[in-house]
Protein backbone atom coordinates (compact mmCIF):
# COMPACT_ATOMS: atom_id res chain seq x y z
CA MET A 1 -4.06 10.10 -30.22
CA PRO A 2 -6.94 11.08 -32.52
CA LYS A 3 -9.74 8.57 -32.90
CA GLY A 4 -8.99 5.85 -35.44
CA GLN A 5 -5.38 6.89 -35.99
CA ILE A 6 -3.04 4.02 -36.83
CA THR A 7 0.48 4.20 -35.42
CA ASP A 8 3.65 2.27 -36.17
CA LYS A 9 4.13 1.52 -32.49
CA SER A 10 3.73 -2.03 -31.33
CA ILE A 11 2.98 -3.38 -27.88
CA ARG A 12 4.21 -6.65 -26.39
CA ILE A 13 1.74 -8.27 -24.00
CA THR A 14 2.69 -11.17 -21.72
CA LEU A 15 0.22 -13.20 -19.66
CA VAL A 16 1.73 -13.36 -16.16
CA ARG A 17 -1.30 -14.46 -14.12
CA SER A 18 -3.82 -17.15 -14.91
CA PRO A 19 -7.32 -16.01 -15.88
CA ILE A 20 -8.77 -19.02 -14.03
CA GLY A 21 -11.03 -17.72 -11.28
CA TYR A 22 -11.77 -14.43 -13.02
CA THR A 23 -14.92 -13.51 -14.87
CA LYS A 24 -15.82 -15.04 -18.21
CA ASP A 25 -15.41 -11.74 -20.07
CA GLN A 26 -11.87 -11.30 -18.69
CA ARG A 27 -10.94 -14.81 -19.84
CA ALA A 28 -12.45 -14.05 -23.25
CA THR A 29 -10.46 -10.81 -23.50
CA ALA A 30 -7.20 -12.68 -22.84
CA ARG A 31 -8.12 -15.19 -25.56
CA ALA A 32 -9.04 -12.41 -27.98
CA LEU A 33 -5.60 -10.87 -27.47
CA GLY A 34 -4.08 -14.21 -28.49
CA LEU A 35 -2.95 -15.19 -25.01
CA ARG A 36 -3.49 -18.93 -24.61
CA ARG A 37 -1.00 -19.99 -21.92
CA MET A 38 1.04 -18.55 -19.08
CA HIS A 39 4.13 -16.50 -19.98
CA GLN A 40 3.11 -16.38 -23.63
CA THR A 41 3.97 -13.09 -25.33
CA VAL A 42 2.12 -11.57 -28.27
CA GLU A 43 2.80 -8.40 -30.21
CA HIS A 44 0.04 -6.10 -31.51
CA GLN A 45 -0.16 -2.70 -33.18
CA ASP A 46 -1.03 0.06 -30.72
CA ASN A 47 -4.57 1.43 -31.03
CA PRO A 48 -7.34 2.62 -28.68
CA THR A 49 -9.28 -0.65 -28.92
CA LEU A 50 -6.25 -2.65 -27.87
CA ARG A 51 -5.58 -0.25 -24.98
CA GLY A 52 -9.14 -0.79 -23.73
CA MET A 53 -8.71 -4.56 -23.83
CA ILE A 54 -5.45 -4.28 -21.91
CA GLN A 55 -7.06 -2.08 -19.25
CA LYS A 56 -9.74 -4.72 -18.72
CA ILE A 57 -7.15 -7.37 -17.79
CA ILE A 58 -4.23 -5.21 -16.62
CA HIS A 59 -4.00 -7.29 -13.43
CA LEU A 60 -3.25 -10.41 -15.53
CA VAL A 61 -0.73 -9.08 -18.04
CA GLU A 62 2.59 -7.28 -18.34
CA VAL A 63 2.87 -4.66 -21.09
CA GLU A 64 6.01 -3.45 -22.87
CA GLU A 65 5.85 -0.57 -25.31
């Protein structure tokens, strides 16, 4: 995907593990994605920035494309 390209794809992200006990920046990333509580699902447009955020907390979330 070329840099800055906007796609029509959306990604569903579900918080499946608690960020308690992980680093402050990982907790902040989960909050920035809109994940406030366990098993909450949010939907975002796919872009490289979002992919980077997901990679940072991949051990806490489940991703559906």
